Amino acid sequence: MGALNALEKLVPVVLAFGCGVLLARRKVVPADSSRAFADYAFLFAVPCYLFGNIYRSDLGALFDWRAILAYASTAALAVLTVGVLATLGGVRDPRGIALRIMAGVQVNTAYFAVPVFITLFGNAAPIFPVLLFQVCVLTLVIISIMELGRPERDGAGTGPRLLLRAVGASLVTPVVLACNAGILLNLLSLHVPKAVLDGFSFVGDSASPVALFALGLHLGGSGLTIRGTTREEIGLIAFKCLVFPLMTWAVCATVFGVDGDWLKYLVLIAAMPAPQNLFIFAQRYDVGVDMSASLVIKSSVTALFLLPLWMQWAVHVG
């Protein structure tokens, strides 16, 4: 019953994505417009969502620092693993390596983990520290690599100067700015008028459906088949949906001694599919767009099939 309820909560996801696919295939909405929708989500809607939710949250009640350190250590190990495997596989473009790291290590929190956690635990609060870690650390690293590898930066400098420019560019992206601003204002207890917060909520609520609609438009225009799945995609999906959660289980439980509810939370979070932002980043930086769209959908389907098994494991641990 729990798995059925979780699937029911994913109906809006299927609706937004499916309408994008249908409208693109029927040429009602041009598939090329997916870039405009993705930019809207990346530059405006997602930052509004992050700022409002971070500002309103009780940060002190959400953080178990041992659990967060354990998850961060596992993520660092996974980043290194995916990066090395991608390099050995012949990927030389830093942006391509960053995209594969994002696909294998970051998780879909807003569109997948939230309904699962609400079904299992009654709330999605445990997801929030991981969301902050993703936005403030993993996303910052990935955006820095993306900025560093942008073709228009060729000839703009070398070495430390170019790296500093790339990090600086990543720090002023709307996603990172919104997250840091929300944390700062929250910690300082600075008052933000309710009308302003309501405005952020109004725009932020559109982030999920617009991003999914953009993904559907892109796939509706390009097409997606199981037969076209490459070995690299299969490897990344297997790493994301099986290897990474098992690594999280092993590192958190044996190395850091995390147990009980937090062990369940972290393993289930790690088992979530590749994030929707993978496609948005690919669109934004014009790298691996087709592969990222394929990974988002196929990892989501895979995670969906594995969800009953992870739920049964969580009940057993509990």
C-alpha atoms as a PDB file:
ATOM      1  CA  MET A   1       0.000   0.000   0.000  1.00  0.00           C
ATOM      2  CA  GLY A   2       2.880   2.360   0.786  1.00  0.00           C
ATOM      3  CA  ALA A   3       4.394   1.788  -2.645  1.00  0.00           C
ATOM      4  CA  LEU A   4       1.002   2.372  -4.278  1.00  0.00           C
ATOM      5  CA  ASN A   5       0.575   5.655  -2.433  1.00  0.00           C
ATOM      6  CA  ALA A   6       4.045   6.764  -3.506  1.00  0.00           C
ATOM      7  CA  LEU A   7       3.208   5.993  -7.126  1.00  0.00           C
ATOM      8  CA  GLU A   8      -0.026   7.949  -6.841  1.00  0.00           C
ATOM      9  CA  LYS A   9       1.913  10.970  -5.628  1.00  0.00           C
ATOM     10  CA  LEU A  10       4.009  10.791  -8.799  1.00  0.00           C
ATOM     11  CA  VAL A  11       0.963  11.299 -11.026  1.00  0.00           C
ATOM     12  CA  PRO A  12       1.635  15.087 -11.346  1.00  0.00           C
ATOM     13  CA  VAL A  13       5.170  14.279 -12.495  1.00  0.00           C
ATOM     14  CA  VAL A  14       3.875  11.957 -15.205  1.00  0.00           C
ATOM     15  CA  LEU A  15       1.230  14.508 -16.227  1.00  0.00           C
ATOM     16  CA  ALA A  16       3.660  17.415 -16.668  1.00  0.00           C
ATOM     17  CA  PHE A  17       6.246  15.321 -18.466  1.00  0.00           C
ATOM     18  CA  GLY A  18       3.718  13.440 -20.591  1.00  0.00           C
ATOM     19  CA  CYS A  19       2.012  16.635 -21.781  1.00  0.00           C
ATOM     20  CA  GLY A  20       5.387  17.969 -22.897  1.00  0.00           C
ATOM     21  CA  VAL A  21       6.060  14.821 -24.903  1.00  0.00           C
ATOM     22  CA  LEU A  22       2.562  14.803 -26.433  1.00  0.00           C
ATOM     23  CA  LEU A  23       2.538  18.481 -27.390  1.00  0.00           C
ATOM     24  CA  ALA A  24       6.007  18.254 -28.939  1.00  0.00           C
ATOM     25  CA  ARG A  25       5.180  15.157 -30.979  1.00  0.00           C
ATOM     26  CA  ARG A  26       1.967  16.721 -32.228  1.00  0.00           C
ATOM     27  CA  LYS A  27       3.944  19.900 -32.965  1.00  0.00           C
ATOM     28  CA  VAL A  28       1.505  21.975 -30.917  1.00  0.00           C
ATOM     29  CA  VAL A  29       4.487  23.419 -29.006  1.00  0.00           C
ATOM     30  CA  PRO A  30       7.866  23.494 -30.801  1.00  0.00           C
ATOM     31  CA  ALA A  31      10.397  21.141 -29.227  1.00  0.00           C
ATOM     32  CA  ASP A  32      13.049  23.848 -29.614  1.00  0.00           C
ATOM     33  CA  SER A  33      11.237  25.952 -27.012  1.00  0.00           C
ATOM     34  CA  SER A  34      12.338  23.479 -24.339  1.00  0.00           C
ATOM     35  CA  ARG A  35      15.480  25.616 -23.893  1.00  0.00           C
ATOM     36  CA  ALA A  36      13.401  28.666 -22.912  1.00  0.00           C
ATOM     37  CA  PHE A  37      11.398  26.648 -20.375  1.00  0.00           C
ATOM     38  CA  ALA A  38      14.580  25.112 -18.944  1.00  0.00           C
ATOM     39  CA  ASP A  39      16.191  28.559 -18.602  1.00  0.00           C
ATOM     40  CA  TYR A  40      13.118  29.844 -16.792  1.00  0.00           C
ATOM     41  CA  ALA A  41      13.338  26.972 -14.300  1.00  0.00           C
ATOM     42  CA  PHE A  42      17.110  27.227 -13.809  1.00  0.00           C
ATOM     43  CA  LEU A  43      17.418  31.010 -13.608  1.00  0.00           C
ATOM     44  CA  PHE A  44      14.193  31.980 -11.861  1.00  0.00           C
ATOM     45  CA  ALA A  45      11.746  29.364 -10.566  1.00  0.00           C
ATOM     46  CA  VAL A  46      14.193  26.993  -8.834  1.00  0.00           C
ATOM     47  CA  PRO A  47      16.023  29.856  -7.031  1.00  0.00           C
ATOM     48  CA  CYS A  48      12.683  31.216  -5.796  1.00  0.00           C
ATOM     49  CA  TYR A  49      11.711  27.766  -4.527  1.00  0.00           C
ATOM     50  CA  LEU A  50      15.025  27.277  -2.725  1.00  0.00           C
ATOM     51  CA  PHE A  51      15.130  30.704  -1.103  1.00  0.00           C
ATOM     52  CA  GLY A  52      11.593  30.564   0.290  1.00  0.00           C
ATOM     53  CA  ASN A  53      11.897  27.047   1.678  1.00  0.00           C
ATOM     54  CA  ILE A  54      15.339  27.541   3.193  1.00  0.00           C
ATOM     55  CA  TYR A  55      14.374  30.835   4.800  1.00  0.00           C
ATOM     56  CA  ARG A  56      11.252  29.359   6.434  1.00  0.00           C
ATOM     57  CA  SER A  57      12.948  26.204   7.761  1.00  0.00           C
ATOM     58  CA  ASP A  58      14.265  25.473  11.240  1.00  0.00           C
ATOM     59  CA  LEU A  59      17.836  24.736  10.216  1.00  0.00           C
ATOM     60  CA  GLY A  60      18.923  23.618  13.677  1.00  0.00           C
ATOM     61  CA  ALA A  61      16.298  20.888  13.875  1.00  0.00           C
ATOM     62  CA  LEU A  62      17.196  19.423  10.491  1.00  0.00           C
ATOM     63  CA  PHE A  63      20.894  18.713  10.917  1.00  0.00           C
ATOM     64  CA  ASP A  64      22.505  15.566  12.323  1.00  0.00           C
ATOM     65  CA  TRP A  65      26.098  16.443  11.588  1.00  0.00           C
ATOM     66  CA  ARG A  66      27.438  12.888  11.849  1.00  0.00           C
ATOM     67  CA  ALA A  67      24.855  11.670   9.347  1.00  0.00           C
ATOM     68  CA  ILE A  68      25.501  14.589   7.008  1.00  0.00           C
ATOM     69  CA  LEU A  69      29.272  14.086   7.198  1.00  0.00           C
ATOM     70  CA  ALA A  70      28.785  10.393   6.463  1.00  0.00           C
ATOM     71  CA  TYR A  71      26.649  11.156   3.415  1.00  0.00           C
ATOM     72  CA  ALA A  72      29.085  13.829   2.208  1.00  0.00           C
ATOM     73  CA  SER A  73      31.992  11.380   2.526  1.00  0.00           C
ATOM     74  CA  THR A  74      30.097   8.772   0.526  1.00  0.00           C
ATOM     75  CA  ALA A  75      29.264  11.364  -2.123  1.00  0.00           C
ATOM     76  CA  ALA A  76      32.938  12.396  -2.340  1.00  0.00           C
ATOM     77  CA  LEU A  77      33.939   8.761  -2.853  1.00  0.00           C
ATOM     78  CA  ALA A  78      31.245   8.382  -5.500  1.00  0.00           C
ATOM     79  CA  VAL A  79      32.355  11.587  -7.273  1.00  0.00           C
ATOM     80  CA  LEU A  80      35.912  10.262  -7.446  1.00  0.00           C
ATOM     81  CA  THR A  81      34.720   6.880  -8.709  1.00  0.00           C
ATOM     82  CA  VAL A  82      32.508   8.275 -11.469  1.00  0.00           C
ATOM     83  CA  GLY A  83      35.148  10.822 -12.489  1.00  0.00           C
ATOM     84  CA  VAL A  84      37.856   8.173 -12.814  1.00  0.00           C
ATOM     85  CA  LEU A  85      35.572   5.774 -14.699  1.00  0.00           C
ATOM     86  CA  ALA A  86      34.477   8.529 -17.096  1.00  0.00           C
ATOM     87  CA  THR A  87      38.105   9.470 -17.779  1.00  0.00           C
ATOM     88  CA  LEU A  88      39.074   5.842 -18.343  1.00  0.00           C
ATOM     89  CA  GLY A  89      36.087   5.560 -20.658  1.00  0.00           C
ATOM     90  CA  GLY A  90      37.538   8.239 -22.919  1.00  0.00           C
ATOM     91  CA  VAL A  91      35.659  11.349 -21.744  1.00  0.00           C
ATOM     92  CA  ARG A  92      38.037  14.319 -21.942  1.00  0.00           C
ATOM     93  CA  ASP A  93      35.687  17.303 -21.836  1.00  0.00           C
ATOM     94  CA  PRO A  94      35.501  18.574 -18.211  1.00  0.00           C
ATOM     95  CA  ARG A  95      31.843  19.441 -18.754  1.00  0.00           C
ATOM     96  CA  GLY A  96      31.129  15.864 -19.856  1.00  0.00           C
ATOM     97  CA  ILE A  97      32.818  14.470 -16.749  1.00  0.00           C
ATOM     98  CA  ALA A  98      30.874  16.903 -14.534  1.00  0.00           C
ATOM     99  CA  LEU A  99      27.602  15.872 -16.188  1.00  0.00           C
ATOM    100  CA  ARG A 100      28.308  12.196 -15.537  1.00  0.00           C
ATOM    101  CA  ILE A 101      29.227  12.925 -11.916  1.00  0.00           C
ATOM    102  CA  MET A 102      25.950  14.773 -11.484  1.00  0.00           C
ATOM    103  CA  ALA A 103      24.034  11.846 -13.017  1.00  0.00           C
ATOM    104  CA  GLY A 104      25.710   9.294 -10.762  1.00  0.00           C
ATOM    105  CA  VAL A 105      25.845  11.148  -7.453  1.00  0.00           C
ATOM    106  CA  GLN A 106      23.148  13.832  -7.212  1.00  0.00           C
ATOM    107  CA  VAL A 107      19.588  12.754  -6.489  1.00  0.00           C
ATOM    108  CA  ASN A 108      16.120  13.827  -7.547  1.00  0.00           C
ATOM    109  CA  THR A 109      14.797  15.393  -4.351  1.00  0.00           C
ATOM    110  CA  ALA A 110      11.881  17.628  -5.321  1.00  0.00           C
ATOM    111  CA  TYR A 111      10.204  15.407  -7.931  1.00  0.00           C
ATOM    112  CA  PHE A 112      10.810  11.928  -6.535  1.00  0.00           C
ATOM    113  CA  ALA A 113      12.155  11.819  -2.979  1.00  0.00           C
ATOM    114  CA  VAL A 114       9.558  14.160  -1.468  1.00  0.00           C
ATOM    115  CA  PRO A 115       6.471  12.019  -2.240  1.00  0.00           C
ATOM    116  CA  VAL A 116       8.313   8.857  -1.192  1.00  0.00           C
ATOM    117  CA  PHE A 117       9.337  10.337   2.157  1.00  0.00           C
ATOM    118  CA  ILE A 118       5.894  11.775   2.830  1.00  0.00           C
ATOM    119  CA  THR A 119       4.445   8.321   2.232  1.00  0.00           C
ATOM    120  CA  LEU A 120       6.956   6.482   4.416  1.00  0.00           C
ATOM    121  CA  PHE A 121       7.623   8.965   7.210  1.00  0.00           C
ATOM    122  CA  GLY A 122       4.842  11.541   7.041  1.00  0.00           C
ATOM    123  CA  ASN A 123       7.177  14.404   6.078  1.00  0.00           C
ATOM    124  CA  ALA A 124      10.099  15.179   3.806  1.00  0.00           C
ATOM    125  CA  ALA A 125      12.223  17.119   6.321  1.00  0.00           C
ATOM    126  CA  PRO A 126      15.129  14.604   6.312  1.00  0.00           C
ATOM    127  CA  ILE A 127      15.689  15.388   2.638  1.00  0.00           C
ATOM    128  CA  PHE A 128      16.448  19.029   3.267  1.00  0.00           C
ATOM    129  CA  PRO A 129      20.038  18.721   4.599  1.00  0.00           C
ATOM    130  CA  VAL A 130      20.942  16.634   1.558  1.00  0.00           C
ATOM    131  CA  LEU A 131      19.295  19.223  -0.680  1.00  0.00           C
ATOM    132  CA  LEU A 132      21.428  21.931   0.936  1.00  0.00           C
ATOM    133  CA  PHE A 133      24.558  19.794   0.515  1.00  0.00           C
ATOM    134  CA  GLN A 134      23.739  19.242  -3.134  1.00  0.00           C
ATOM    135  CA  VAL A 135      23.086  22.898  -3.865  1.00  0.00           C
ATOM    136  CA  CYS A 136      25.850  24.435  -1.749  1.00  0.00           C
ATOM    137  CA  VAL A 137      28.605  21.889  -2.404  1.00  0.00           C
ATOM    138  CA  LEU A 138      27.990  19.425  -5.236  1.00  0.00           C
ATOM    139  CA  THR A 139      26.195  21.897  -7.493  1.00  0.00           C
ATOM    140  CA  LEU A 140      28.851  24.534  -6.835  1.00  0.00           C
ATOM    141  CA  VAL A 141      31.593  22.102  -7.865  1.00  0.00           C
ATOM    142  CA  ILE A 142      29.708  20.997 -10.966  1.00  0.00           C
ATOM    143  CA  ILE A 143      28.867  24.545 -12.067  1.00  0.00           C
ATOM    144  CA  SER A 144      32.521  25.537 -11.555  1.00  0.00           C
ATOM    145  CA  ILE A 145      33.619  22.710 -13.859  1.00  0.00           C
ATOM    146  CA  MET A 146      30.923  23.622 -16.372  1.00  0.00           C
ATOM    147  CA  GLU A 147      31.982  27.264 -16.360  1.00  0.00           C
ATOM    148  CA  LEU A 148      35.653  26.283 -16.583  1.00  0.00           C
ATOM    149  CA  GLY A 149      34.992  24.162 -19.654  1.00  0.00           C
ATOM    150  CA  ARG A 150      32.730  26.535 -21.588  1.00  0.00           C
ATOM    151  CA  PRO A 151      34.041  26.971 -25.158  1.00  0.00           C
ATOM    152  CA  GLU A 152      33.660  30.765 -25.047  1.00  0.00           C
ATOM    153  CA  ARG A 153      36.216  30.801 -22.224  1.00  0.00           C
ATOM    154  CA  ASP A 154      38.967  29.466 -24.486  1.00  0.00           C
ATOM    155  CA  GLY A 155      41.737  32.008 -24.601  1.00  0.00           C
ATOM    156  CA  ALA A 156      40.350  33.912 -21.628  1.00  0.00           C
ATOM    157  CA  GLY A 157      43.186  32.841 -19.376  1.00  0.00           C
ATOM    158  CA  THR A 158      44.885  29.787 -17.958  1.00  0.00           C
ATOM    159  CA  GLY A 159      45.636  28.123 -14.655  1.00  0.00           C
ATOM    160  CA  PRO A 160      44.561  29.690 -11.352  1.00  0.00           C
ATOM    161  CA  ARG A 161      43.139  32.822 -12.972  1.00  0.00           C
ATOM    162  CA  LEU A 162      40.757  30.823 -15.159  1.00  0.00           C
ATOM    163  CA  LEU A 163      39.764  28.623 -12.214  1.00  0.00           C
ATOM    164  CA  LEU A 164      39.008  31.679 -10.074  1.00  0.00           C
ATOM    165  CA  ARG A 165      36.853  33.113 -12.854  1.00  0.00           C
ATOM    166  CA  ALA A 166      34.986  29.815 -13.143  1.00  0.00           C
ATOM    167  CA  VAL A 167      34.387  29.577  -9.375  1.00  0.00           C
ATOM    168  CA  GLY A 168      33.332  33.240  -9.312  1.00  0.00           C
ATOM    169  CA  ALA A 169      30.853  32.632 -12.120  1.00  0.00           C
ATOM    170  CA  SER A 170      29.405  29.640 -10.267  1.00  0.00           C
ATOM    171  CA  LEU A 171      29.023  31.613  -7.038  1.00  0.00           C
ATOM    172  CA  VAL A 172      26.838  34.224  -8.722  1.00  0.00           C
ATOM    173  CA  THR A 173      24.488  31.792 -10.444  1.00  0.00           C
ATOM    174  CA  PRO A 174      20.900  32.265  -9.233  1.00  0.00           C
ATOM    175  CA  VAL A 175      20.653  28.777  -7.698  1.00  0.00           C
ATOM    176  CA  VAL A 176      23.700  29.213  -5.468  1.00  0.00           C
ATOM    177  CA  LEU A 177      22.867  32.833  -4.613  1.00  0.00           C
ATOM    178  CA  ALA A 178      19.321  31.910  -3.594  1.00  0.00           C
ATOM    179  CA  CYS A 179      20.490  29.083  -1.364  1.00  0.00           C
ATOM    180  CA  ASN A 180      23.162  31.151   0.368  1.00  0.00           C
ATOM    181  CA  ALA A 181      20.799  34.109   0.796  1.00  0.00           C
ATOM    182  CA  GLY A 182      18.148  31.874   2.358  1.00  0.00           C
ATOM    183  CA  ILE A 183      20.637  30.395   4.828  1.00  0.00           C
ATOM    184  CA  LEU A 184      22.101  33.809   5.737  1.00  0.00           C
ATOM    185  CA  LEU A 185      18.761  35.522   6.317  1.00  0.00           C
ATOM    186  CA  ASN A 186      17.522  32.507   8.257  1.00  0.00           C
ATOM    187  CA  LEU A 187      20.553  32.491  10.561  1.00  0.00           C
ATOM    188  CA  LEU A 188      20.418  36.248  11.069  1.00  0.00           C
ATOM    189  CA  SER A 189      16.654  36.110  11.714  1.00  0.00           C
ATOM    190  CA  LEU A 190      16.136  39.026   9.335  1.00  0.00           C
ATOM    191  CA  HIS A 191      12.503  39.710   8.549  1.00  0.00           C
ATOM    192  CA  VAL A 192      11.309  39.185   4.997  1.00  0.00           C
ATOM    193  CA  PRO A 193       7.772  40.506   4.358  1.00  0.00           C
ATOM    194  CA  LYS A 194       5.131  37.840   3.951  1.00  0.00           C
ATOM    195  CA  ALA A 195       4.075  39.316   0.605  1.00  0.00           C
ATOM    196  CA  VAL A 196       7.615  38.801  -0.711  1.00  0.00           C
ATOM    197  CA  LEU A 197       7.761  35.219   0.557  1.00  0.00           C
ATOM    198  CA  ASP A 198       4.357  34.518  -0.977  1.00  0.00           C
ATOM    199  CA  GLY A 199       5.709  35.836  -4.272  1.00  0.00           C
ATOM    200  CA  PHE A 200       8.698  33.486  -4.073  1.00  0.00           C
ATOM    201  CA  SER A 201       6.361  30.591  -3.288  1.00  0.00           C
ATOM    202  CA  PHE A 202       4.095  31.457  -6.206  1.00  0.00           C
ATOM    203  CA  VAL A 203       6.999  31.404  -8.658  1.00  0.00           C
ATOM    204  CA  GLY A 204       8.794  28.511  -6.953  1.00  0.00           C
ATOM    205  CA  ASP A 205       5.756  26.267  -7.217  1.00  0.00           C
ATOM    206  CA  SER A 206       6.156  26.399 -10.987  1.00  0.00           C
ATOM    207  CA  ALA A 207       9.730  25.048 -10.922  1.00  0.00           C
ATOM    208  CA  SER A 208       8.849  21.350 -10.896  1.00  0.00           C
ATOM    209  CA  PRO A 209       6.136  21.326 -13.592  1.00  0.00           C
ATOM    210  CA  VAL A 210       8.034  23.690 -15.891  1.00  0.00           C
ATOM    211  CA  ALA A 211      11.256  21.675 -15.659  1.00  0.00           C
ATOM    212  CA  LEU A 212       9.349  18.446 -16.313  1.00  0.00           C
ATOM    213  CA  PHE A 213       7.447  20.046 -19.177  1.00  0.00           C
ATOM    214  CA  ALA A 214      10.754  21.200 -20.707  1.00  0.00           C
ATOM    215  CA  LEU A 215      12.136  17.694 -20.432  1.00  0.00           C
ATOM    216  CA  GLY A 216       9.017  16.288 -22.073  1.00  0.00           C
ATOM    217  CA  LEU A 217       9.244  18.806 -24.917  1.00  0.00           C
ATOM    218  CA  HIS A 218      12.859  17.892 -25.564  1.00  0.00           C
ATOM    219  CA  LEU A 219      12.231  14.151 -25.537  1.00  0.00           C
ATOM    220  CA  GLY A 220       9.064  14.542 -27.579  1.00  0.00           C
ATOM    221  CA  GLY A 221      11.122  16.233 -30.265  1.00  0.00           C
ATOM    222  CA  SER A 222      14.153  13.941 -30.147  1.00  0.00           C
ATOM    223  CA  GLY A 223      12.511  10.645 -29.231  1.00  0.00           C
ATOM    224  CA  LEU A 224      13.568   8.117 -26.599  1.00  0.00           C
ATOM    225  CA  THR A 225      13.728   4.337 -26.876  1.00  0.00           C
ATOM    226  CA  ILE A 226      14.967   1.565 -24.599  1.00  0.00           C
ATOM    227  CA  ARG A 227      16.806   0.024 -27.539  1.00  0.00           C
ATOM    228  CA  GLY A 228      18.877   3.152 -27.877  1.00  0.00           C
ATOM    229  CA  THR A 229      20.281   2.859 -24.359  1.00  0.00           C
ATOM    230  CA  THR A 230      24.088   2.815 -24.471  1.00  0.00           C
ATOM    231  CA  ARG A 231      26.378   0.803 -22.238  1.00  0.00           C
ATOM    232  CA  GLU A 232      27.525   4.019 -20.599  1.00  0.00           C
ATOM    233  CA  GLU A 233      23.931   4.975 -19.758  1.00  0.00           C
ATOM    234  CA  ILE A 234      23.286   1.501 -18.324  1.00  0.00           C
ATOM    235  CA  GLY A 235      26.422   1.834 -16.205  1.00  0.00           C
ATOM    236  CA  LEU A 236      25.460   5.273 -14.895  1.00  0.00           C
ATOM    237  CA  ILE A 237      21.898   4.167 -14.116  1.00  0.00           C
ATOM    238  CA  ALA A 238      23.162   1.059 -12.310  1.00  0.00           C
ATOM    239  CA  PHE A 239      25.619   3.168 -10.325  1.00  0.00           C
ATOM    240  CA  LYS A 240      22.964   5.724  -9.380  1.00  0.00           C
ATOM    241  CA  CYS A 241      20.179   3.327  -8.442  1.00  0.00           C
ATOM    242  CA  LEU A 242      22.152   0.432  -6.936  1.00  0.00           C
ATOM    243  CA  VAL A 243      25.845   1.106  -6.309  1.00  0.00           C
ATOM    244  CA  PHE A 244      25.500   4.560  -4.741  1.00  0.00           C
ATOM    245  CA  PRO A 245      22.827   3.562  -2.159  1.00  0.00           C
ATOM    246  CA  LEU A 246      24.819   0.441  -1.278  1.00  0.00           C
ATOM    247  CA  MET A 247      27.945   2.579  -0.863  1.00  0.00           C
ATOM    248  CA  THR A 248      25.938   4.915   1.376  1.00  0.00           C
ATOM    249  CA  TRP A 249      24.763   1.992   3.475  1.00  0.00           C
ATOM    250  CA  ALA A 250      28.300   0.616   3.840  1.00  0.00           C
ATOM    251  CA  VAL A 251      30.093   3.903   4.578  1.00  0.00           C
ATOM    252  CA  CYS A 252      27.443   5.401   6.870  1.00  0.00           C
ATOM    253  CA  ALA A 253      26.872   2.254   8.921  1.00  0.00           C
ATOM    254  CA  THR A 254      30.380   0.800   9.160  1.00  0.00           C
ATOM    255  CA  VAL A 255      32.642   3.853   9.058  1.00  0.00           C
ATOM    256  CA  PHE A 256      30.533   6.528  10.777  1.00  0.00           C
ATOM    257  CA  GLY A 257      28.250   4.342  12.886  1.00  0.00           C
ATOM    258  CA  VAL A 258      25.038   5.910  11.590  1.00  0.00           C
ATOM    259  CA  ASP A 259      22.025   3.756  12.429  1.00  0.00           C
ATOM    260  CA  GLY A 260      18.288   3.906  13.031  1.00  0.00           C
ATOM    261  CA  ASP A 261      16.172   6.430  11.186  1.00  0.00           C
ATOM    262  CA  TRP A 262      19.049   8.416   9.696  1.00  0.00           C
ATOM    263  CA  LEU A 263      20.545   5.314   8.091  1.00  0.00           C
ATOM    264  CA  LYS A 264      17.188   4.633   6.441  1.00  0.00           C
ATOM    265  CA  TYR A 265      16.873   8.246   5.356  1.00  0.00           C
ATOM    266  CA  LEU A 266      20.306   8.460   3.766  1.00  0.00           C
ATOM    267  CA  VAL A 267      20.131   5.127   1.922  1.00  0.00           C
ATOM    268  CA  LEU A 268      16.662   5.887   0.562  1.00  0.00           C
ATOM    269  CA  ILE A 269      17.771   9.359  -0.538  1.00  0.00           C
ATOM    270  CA  ALA A 270      20.791   7.867  -2.315  1.00  0.00           C
ATOM    271  CA  ALA A 271      18.475   5.413  -4.103  1.00  0.00           C
ATOM    272  CA  MET A 272      16.522   8.221  -5.741  1.00  0.00           C
ATOM    273  CA  PRO A 273      17.063   8.734  -9.508  1.00  0.00           C
ATOM    274  CA  ALA A 274      19.217  11.296 -11.284  1.00  0.00           C
ATOM    275  CA  PRO A 275      17.992  14.869 -10.701  1.00  0.00           C
ATOM    276  CA  GLN A 276      15.800  16.857 -13.048  1.00  0.00           C
ATOM    277  CA  ASN A 277      18.458  19.583 -12.957  1.00  0.00           C
ATOM    278  CA  LEU A 278      20.759  17.270 -14.909  1.00  0.00           C
ATOM    279  CA  PHE A 279      18.733  18.061 -18.022  1.00  0.00           C
ATOM    280  CA  ILE A 280      18.503  21.757 -17.133  1.00  0.00           C
ATOM    281  CA  PHE A 281      22.286  22.004 -16.684  1.00  0.00           C
ATOM    282  CA  ALA A 282      22.867  20.134 -19.932  1.00  0.00           C
ATOM    283  CA  GLN A 283      20.591  22.584 -21.747  1.00  0.00           C
ATOM    284  CA  ARG A 284      22.214  25.542 -20.054  1.00  0.00           C
ATOM    285  CA  TYR A 285      25.799  24.564 -20.898  1.00  0.00           C
ATOM    286  CA  ASP A 286      25.030  22.765 -24.179  1.00  0.00           C
ATOM    287  CA  VAL A 287      26.643  19.433 -23.305  1.00  0.00           C
ATOM    288  CA  GLY A 288      25.189  15.920 -23.433  1.00  0.00           C
ATOM    289  CA  VAL A 289      21.585  17.113 -23.743  1.00  0.00           C
ATOM    290  CA  ASP A 290      20.227  13.897 -25.242  1.00  0.00           C
ATOM    291  CA  MET A 291      22.143  11.681 -22.821  1.00  0.00           C
ATOM    292  CA  SER A 292      21.043  13.726 -19.802  1.00  0.00           C
ATOM    293  CA  ALA A 293      17.393  13.590 -20.840  1.00  0.00           C
ATOM    294  CA  SER A 294      17.676   9.836 -21.316  1.00  0.00           C
ATOM    295  CA  LEU A 295      19.358   9.348 -17.935  1.00  0.00           C
ATOM    296  CA  VAL A 296      16.741  11.394 -16.065  1.00  0.00           C
ATOM    297  CA  ILE A 297      13.835   9.381 -17.451  1.00  0.00           C
ATOM    298  CA  LYS A 298      15.429   5.935 -17.464  1.00  0.00           C
ATOM    299  CA  SER A 299      16.903   6.268 -13.982  1.00  0.00           C
ATOM    300  CA  SER A 300      13.480   7.435 -12.754  1.00  0.00           C
ATOM    301  CA  VAL A 301      11.814   4.358 -14.248  1.00  0.00           C
ATOM    302  CA  THR A 302      14.499   2.108 -12.774  1.00  0.00           C
ATOM    303  CA  ALA A 303      14.199   3.720  -9.343  1.00  0.00           C
ATOM    304  CA  LEU A 304      10.438   3.357  -9.545  1.00  0.00           C
ATOM    305  CA  PHE A 305      10.733  -0.397 -10.115  1.00  0.00           C
ATOM    306  CA  LEU A 306      13.260  -0.718  -7.282  1.00  0.00           C
ATOM    307  CA  LEU A 307      11.207   1.439  -4.905  1.00  0.00           C
ATOM    308  CA  PRO A 308       9.186  -1.456  -3.378  1.00  0.00           C
ATOM    309  CA  LEU A 309      12.441  -3.278  -2.559  1.00  0.00           C
ATOM    310  CA  TRP A 310      13.969  -0.230  -0.864  1.00  0.00           C
ATOM    311  CA  MET A 311      10.729   0.361   1.031  1.00  0.00           C
ATOM    312  CA  GLN A 312      10.749  -3.246   2.242  1.00  0.00           C
ATOM    313  CA  TRP A 313      14.367  -2.776   3.342  1.00  0.00           C
ATOM    314  CA  ALA A 314      13.448   0.394   5.238  1.00  0.00           C
ATOM    315  CA  VAL A 315      10.617  -1.407   7.037  1.00  0.00           C
ATOM    316  CA  HIS A 316      12.997  -4.274   7.895  1.00  0.00           C
ATOM    317  CA  VAL A 317      15.627  -1.885   9.284  1.00  0.00           C
ATOM    318  CA  GLY A 318      12.929  -0.088  11.267  1.00  0.00           C
END
